[in-house]
Every structure is written in structure tokens, then in C-alpha cells.
Amino acid sequence: MRQRGYDHAKLIARHFARLHHAAYAPVLARMGQHRQVGASGERRRQQLGAAFRVTQPLANKHVILIDDVVTSGATLEAAANTLRKAGAARVDATVFARA
């Protein structure tokens, strides 16, 4: 977002939802802006401990996380944990590249 001026993961998620006839609902908001490029997996997990907040009720919902690139998996793990704590019944992830 900072470099490109738009959120490419959001564009991917919208297109994914349209292709699969699913609702697009941005239910996570990022808290803070820790730079993760070059950080170890352990450092990424530390930074992401409280990195997300849920923006709408999720009781018994199935949520699909969309990410462009997975490196250590720390971001997906933190996001999924936040969603489960907020009541999501199921959390799956789709990733388009692995670094």
C-alpha cells in the first residue's frame, strides 16, 4: 500500500470472492505498521501478536483469508488466531505465492 498506492491483496480478494460467488467482507483491520521484510519468523510473530482487530461480528462464520505472499506464515497465523478468538467457526487461507 505504501509503495504502490493501492492494496493489491484487497484487489485479489475482491476478484477471488467474485469468482467463487462469495461475499467480500474486509473483517480485519491492521493495527500499526511494522515492517516485516527481512525479519526472522520469530521476530514477525512477536510483531504481530496484537497486529489485527476484527471490524464486524463473526459468530459462526467461515472466513477465507487472502494473502499475496507467505514467507514465514506469521501474518496468516496472527490473523487466523484473531478471527478464531472473535468467534469465526472456520478460518481457511488462500495464498498466491510463497517466498
Protein backbone atom coordinates (compact mmCIF):
# COMPACT_ATOMS: atom_id res chain seq x y z
CA MET A 1 0.00 0.00 0.00
CA ARG A 2 2.77 2.43 0.96
CA GLN A 3 4.78 1.75 -2.20
CA ARG A 4 2.05 1.21 -4.80
CA GLY A 5 -0.70 3.48 -3.52
CA TYR A 6 -3.26 0.67 -3.53
CA ASP A 7 -3.80 -2.62 -1.70
CA HIS A 8 -3.13 -5.40 -4.20
CA ALA A 9 -4.20 -8.11 -1.71
CA LYS A 10 -7.59 -6.39 -1.44
CA LEU A 11 -7.93 -6.41 -5.24
CA ILE A 12 -7.07 -10.13 -5.30
CA ALA A 13 -9.59 -10.85 -2.51
CA ARG A 14 -12.38 -8.99 -4.31
CA HIS A 15 -11.71 -10.87 -7.53
CA PHE A 16 -11.49 -14.21 -5.65
CA ALA A 17 -14.86 -13.53 -3.99
CA ARG A 18 -16.45 -12.64 -7.32
CA LEU A 19 -15.09 -15.80 -9.00
CA HIS A 20 -16.38 -18.01 -6.19
CA HIS A 21 -19.73 -16.23 -5.78
CA ALA A 22 -18.82 -15.37 -2.20
CA ALA A 23 -19.23 -12.19 -0.20
CA TYR A 24 -16.24 -9.88 0.02
CA ALA A 25 -16.06 -8.54 3.57
CA PRO A 26 -12.88 -6.96 4.94
CA VAL A 27 -13.28 -8.14 8.54
CA LEU A 28 -9.73 -7.44 9.75
CA ALA A 29 -8.01 -4.11 10.32
CA ARG A 30 -4.26 -3.86 10.76
CA MET A 31 -3.04 -2.12 13.90
CA GLY A 32 0.33 -0.41 13.43
CA GLN A 33 2.72 -0.75 10.54
CA HIS A 34 5.64 -3.00 11.47
CA ARG A 35 7.96 -3.57 8.54
CA GLN A 36 8.47 -7.31 8.15
CA VAL A 37 10.78 -7.50 5.13
CA GLY A 38 13.96 -9.24 6.25
CA ALA A 39 12.66 -10.06 9.75
CA SER A 40 13.04 -13.60 11.10
CA GLY A 41 9.97 -15.77 11.64
CA GLU A 42 10.27 -15.33 15.41
CA ARG A 43 10.52 -11.53 15.07
CA ARG A 44 7.48 -11.48 12.75
CA ARG A 45 5.44 -13.47 15.29
CA GLN A 46 6.45 -11.04 18.07
CA GLN A 47 5.47 -8.01 15.96
CA LEU A 48 2.13 -9.50 15.01
CA GLY A 49 0.94 -10.51 18.48
CA ALA A 50 -1.71 -7.76 18.57
CA ALA A 51 -1.50 -6.58 14.98
CA PHE A 52 -5.14 -7.13 13.99
CA ARG A 53 -8.62 -6.24 15.18
CA VAL A 54 -11.94 -7.57 13.92
CA THR A 55 -14.24 -4.96 12.35
CA GLN A 56 -17.55 -6.84 12.37
CA PRO A 57 -19.25 -9.76 14.14
CA LEU A 58 -18.02 -13.19 13.12
CA ALA A 59 -20.04 -15.61 15.25
CA ASN A 60 -20.12 -18.97 13.45
CA LYS A 61 -18.83 -17.53 10.14
CA HIS A 62 -16.48 -19.23 7.69
CA VAL A 63 -13.69 -16.79 6.81
CA ILE A 64 -11.21 -17.17 3.96
CA LEU A 65 -8.04 -15.13 4.40
CA ILE A 66 -6.44 -13.96 1.17
CA ASP A 67 -2.75 -13.06 1.06
CA ASP A 68 -0.48 -12.33 -1.85
CA VAL A 69 2.76 -13.82 -0.49
CA VAL A 70 3.52 -16.02 2.51
CA THR A 71 7.03 -16.00 3.92
CA SER A 72 7.07 -17.34 7.48
CA GLY A 73 3.31 -17.70 7.87
CA ALA A 74 3.35 -15.39 10.90
CA THR A 75 0.87 -12.91 9.43
CA LEU A 76 -1.63 -15.61 8.47
CA GLU A 77 -1.24 -17.26 11.86
CA ALA A 78 -1.85 -13.99 13.74
CA ALA A 79 -4.82 -13.10 11.55
CA ALA A 80 -6.38 -16.56 11.91
CA ASN A 81 -5.92 -16.50 15.69
CA THR A 82 -7.63 -13.11 15.88
CA LEU A 83 -10.54 -14.33 13.76
CA ARG A 84 -10.99 -17.51 15.83
CA LYS A 85 -10.92 -15.52 19.08
CA ALA A 86 -13.64 -13.28 17.60
CA GLY A 87 -15.89 -16.29 17.03
CA ALA A 88 -15.20 -17.45 13.48
CA ALA A 89 -16.30 -21.06 13.13
CA ARG A 90 -13.74 -21.81 10.42
CA VAL A 91 -10.73 -19.96 9.01
CA ASP A 92 -9.06 -21.01 5.77
CA ALA A 93 -6.36 -19.21 3.80
CA THR A 94 -5.53 -18.82 0.14
CA VAL A 95 -2.06 -17.60 -0.79
CA PHE A 96 -0.86 -16.80 -4.29
CA ALA A 97 2.92 -17.04 -3.83
CA ARG A 98 5.44 -18.37 -1.35
CA ALA A 99 8.75 -16.61 -0.78
